[in-house]
Amino acid sequence: MSSNSATSQGLQVLGIAGSLRQGSYNRALLQAAQELVPEGMGIGVFDLSPIPFYNYDVEQEGDPEPVTALKEAIGAADAILIATPEYQRGIPGVLKNALDWAARPPRQSVMRGKPAAIMGASPGFTGTARAQTQLRQTLEYNRTYALLQPEVLIGGAGDKFRDGRLVDEETRTRVRELLAALADWTRLLQQGVAART
C-alpha cells in the first residue's frame, strides 16, 4: 500500500481502485484525491492486482497473503474510498472479487461498520452511475456505511484527465467536497460508536 503524508492523529482512508490498468482513469482519480485531501486526512492506496479469485476451498486452508494484507489494510483504516469503473453496466470483477474476500468470514467482516465513499470515472456519458448503484448494494450487504451524497459520477473522462492527472477544475471541486463529506461522516460515526461504549 502506498500513502501520502498523513499524520498519525488524522483520519486514515484506504483507497481502492476497481481497475488493474496502470493508466486507468480511476487510479488517476485516487491520485487526485490524494492531492485534494483535506487537512487531518490521509489516503493510502491498496493495489488489488495480487488478490486471487475467491475460492471457498482456498479460504478453508487460510487466507492467501494478499487477502490477509487487504483485510489488515481495511481494518486499520478509518474509512474506505472506492473509485470504480463501469464494465457492462456493473462493477468490475476484480473489485467484486476483493469485496467477496473482505466480506469473509460472515458477520465478522472487516467491512462491517466501516464508513465509505464511492466515486468513479468513465468515458461513457453516465459516469459509472450503474456501477455505483451495484457497489452500494454490495456494501449494504456487508453493513458498510456508504456515504449517500455528494455523488462523483465522472462521465466523458477523456476530456477531464490529461497525462494521468485530473485537470478539470469542476470535477476536482466535486472530489474535494466528497472527501470533506467523508471526513464528517467518519467522525460522526466514530462519535456514535464512542457514545455506545
Foldseek 3Di string as FASTA:
>chain_A
DAKDDADPQAAEEEEEELDQDPLDLQVQVVVLLQVLADPRYMYDYDHLVVQDADDVVVVVVPHDPSLVVLQVSLLPGLAYEYEFEADPLEGDPSVVRSLVSQCPPPPPGSQALHEYEYAYADQADQQCPSHVVRVVVSSVVSNHHYDDDDYHRHYNVVVQDDPSHGDDPVSSVRSSVRNVVSSVVSVVSVVVVVVVD
